[in-house]
């Protein structure tokens, strides 16, 4: 696991530049949207995450890897309702 620490400066209008090594290590691209997460219980931490371009396929396989597994899952759920 790689650990990076880099410094940047907040410029006018609250703009920052993400250091090149950080952007490359995380595959960040020009124009990509980022989400900032702030937790009052951790005032010294700021979490920055890239916003997904798409949520399509994110749950693939959650109910089974193939049609038979999905059918078994659905059958089990329906039986639980009775």
C-alpha atoms as a PDB file:
ATOM      1  CA  UNK A   1       0.000   0.000   0.000  1.00  0.00           C
ATOM      2  CA  UNK A   2       1.441   3.330  -1.047  1.00  0.00           C
ATOM      3  CA  UNK A   3       1.199   6.280   1.301  1.00  0.00           C
ATOM      4  CA  UNK A   4       1.460   9.798  -0.093  1.00  0.00           C
ATOM      5  CA  UNK A   5       1.655  13.110   1.639  1.00  0.00           C
ATOM      6  CA  UNK A   6       1.832  16.295  -0.337  1.00  0.00           C
ATOM      7  CA  UNK A   7       1.183  19.948   0.312  1.00  0.00           C
ATOM      8  CA  UNK A   8      -0.917  22.442  -1.597  1.00  0.00           C
ATOM      9  CA  UNK A   9      -2.072  26.021  -1.014  1.00  0.00           C
ATOM     10  CA  UNK A  10      -5.614  27.373  -1.036  1.00  0.00           C
ATOM     11  CA  UNK A  11      -5.597  30.241  -3.537  1.00  0.00           C
ATOM     12  CA  UNK A  12      -8.034  33.062  -4.160  1.00  0.00           C
ATOM     13  CA  UNK A  13     -11.626  31.887  -4.546  1.00  0.00           C
ATOM     14  CA  UNK A  14     -10.782  28.724  -2.530  1.00  0.00           C
ATOM     15  CA  UNK A  15      -9.019  27.028  -5.451  1.00  0.00           C
ATOM     16  CA  UNK A  16      -6.463  24.263  -4.926  1.00  0.00           C
ATOM     17  CA  UNK A  17      -4.145  22.366  -7.239  1.00  0.00           C
ATOM     18  CA  UNK A  18      -3.972  18.632  -6.681  1.00  0.00           C
ATOM     19  CA  UNK A  19      -0.312  17.613  -6.746  1.00  0.00           C
ATOM     20  CA  UNK A  20       0.625  15.659  -9.881  1.00  0.00           C
ATOM     21  CA  UNK A  21       1.804  12.551  -8.013  1.00  0.00           C
ATOM     22  CA  UNK A  22      -1.488  12.358  -6.096  1.00  0.00           C
ATOM     23  CA  UNK A  23      -3.606  12.859  -9.233  1.00  0.00           C
ATOM     24  CA  UNK A  24      -1.637  10.216 -11.137  1.00  0.00           C
ATOM     25  CA  UNK A  25      -1.701   7.730  -8.244  1.00  0.00           C
ATOM     26  CA  UNK A  26      -5.501   7.986  -8.034  1.00  0.00           C
ATOM     27  CA  UNK A  27      -6.220   8.317 -11.753  1.00  0.00           C
ATOM     28  CA  UNK A  28      -7.819  11.753 -11.444  1.00  0.00           C
ATOM     29  CA  UNK A  29      -8.619  13.521 -14.710  1.00  0.00           C
ATOM     30  CA  UNK A  30      -9.179  17.104 -15.801  1.00  0.00           C
ATOM     31  CA  UNK A  31     -12.843  18.025 -15.390  1.00  0.00           C
ATOM     32  CA  UNK A  32     -13.567  15.168 -12.990  1.00  0.00           C
ATOM     33  CA  UNK A  33     -15.797  16.029 -10.043  1.00  0.00           C
ATOM     34  CA  UNK A  34     -14.607  15.469  -6.480  1.00  0.00           C
ATOM     35  CA  UNK A  35     -16.598  15.105  -3.263  1.00  0.00           C
ATOM     36  CA  UNK A  36     -15.289  16.619  -0.011  1.00  0.00           C
ATOM     37  CA  UNK A  37     -16.261  14.897   3.220  1.00  0.00           C
ATOM     38  CA  UNK A  38     -16.011  16.778   6.530  1.00  0.00           C
ATOM     39  CA  UNK A  39     -16.617  15.177   9.934  1.00  0.00           C
ATOM     40  CA  UNK A  40     -16.962  17.484  12.963  1.00  0.00           C
ATOM     41  CA  UNK A  41     -15.595  14.672  15.143  1.00  0.00           C
ATOM     42  CA  UNK A  42     -12.341  14.752  13.133  1.00  0.00           C
ATOM     43  CA  UNK A  43     -11.615  18.454  12.575  1.00  0.00           C
ATOM     44  CA  UNK A  44      -8.073  17.865  11.276  1.00  0.00           C
ATOM     45  CA  UNK A  45      -9.171  15.524   8.485  1.00  0.00           C
ATOM     46  CA  UNK A  46     -10.633  16.279   5.071  1.00  0.00           C
ATOM     47  CA  UNK A  47     -11.557  13.323   2.881  1.00  0.00           C
ATOM     48  CA  UNK A  48     -11.634  13.886  -0.877  1.00  0.00           C
ATOM     49  CA  UNK A  49     -13.176  11.266  -3.157  1.00  0.00           C
ATOM     50  CA  UNK A  50     -13.723  11.226  -6.901  1.00  0.00           C
ATOM     51  CA  UNK A  51     -17.389  11.264  -7.865  1.00  0.00           C
ATOM     52  CA  UNK A  52     -18.342   8.238  -9.966  1.00  0.00           C
ATOM     53  CA  UNK A  53     -19.029   8.958 -13.620  1.00  0.00           C
ATOM     54  CA  UNK A  54     -21.707   6.268 -13.606  1.00  0.00           C
ATOM     55  CA  UNK A  55     -23.381   3.927 -11.160  1.00  0.00           C
ATOM     56  CA  UNK A  56     -24.301   1.466 -13.926  1.00  0.00           C
ATOM     57  CA  UNK A  57     -23.278  -2.043 -12.974  1.00  0.00           C
ATOM     58  CA  UNK A  58     -22.240  -1.172  -9.428  1.00  0.00           C
ATOM     59  CA  UNK A  59     -24.435  -3.940  -7.971  1.00  0.00           C
ATOM     60  CA  UNK A  60     -23.571  -6.564 -10.576  1.00  0.00           C
ATOM     61  CA  UNK A  61     -23.529  -9.989  -8.987  1.00  0.00           C
ATOM     62  CA  UNK A  62     -25.072  -8.939  -5.678  1.00  0.00           C
ATOM     63  CA  UNK A  63     -28.054 -11.300  -6.134  1.00  0.00           C
ATOM     64  CA  UNK A  64     -26.068 -14.056  -7.849  1.00  0.00           C
ATOM     65  CA  UNK A  65     -23.460 -14.571 -10.513  1.00  0.00           C
ATOM     66  CA  UNK A  66     -25.795 -16.222 -13.011  1.00  0.00           C
ATOM     67  CA  UNK A  67     -29.501 -16.724 -13.741  1.00  0.00           C
ATOM     68  CA  UNK A  68     -29.759 -19.852 -11.577  1.00  0.00           C
ATOM     69  CA  UNK A  69     -28.296 -18.084  -8.528  1.00  0.00           C
ATOM     70  CA  UNK A  70     -30.569 -15.076  -9.060  1.00  0.00           C
ATOM     71  CA  UNK A  71     -33.629 -17.337  -9.337  1.00  0.00           C
ATOM     72  CA  UNK A  72     -32.618 -19.165  -6.137  1.00  0.00           C
ATOM     73  CA  UNK A  73     -32.236 -15.831  -4.350  1.00  0.00           C
ATOM     74  CA  UNK A  74     -35.656 -14.617  -5.506  1.00  0.00           C
ATOM     75  CA  UNK A  75     -37.270 -17.953  -4.576  1.00  0.00           C
ATOM     76  CA  UNK A  76     -35.752 -17.733  -1.084  1.00  0.00           C
ATOM     77  CA  UNK A  77     -36.999 -14.173  -0.624  1.00  0.00           C
ATOM     78  CA  UNK A  78     -40.511 -15.084  -1.751  1.00  0.00           C
ATOM     79  CA  UNK A  79     -40.589 -18.065   0.615  1.00  0.00           C
ATOM     80  CA  UNK A  80     -39.557 -15.779   3.476  1.00  0.00           C
ATOM     81  CA  UNK A  81     -42.616 -13.599   2.806  1.00  0.00           C
ATOM     82  CA  UNK A  82     -45.033 -16.509   3.410  1.00  0.00           C
END
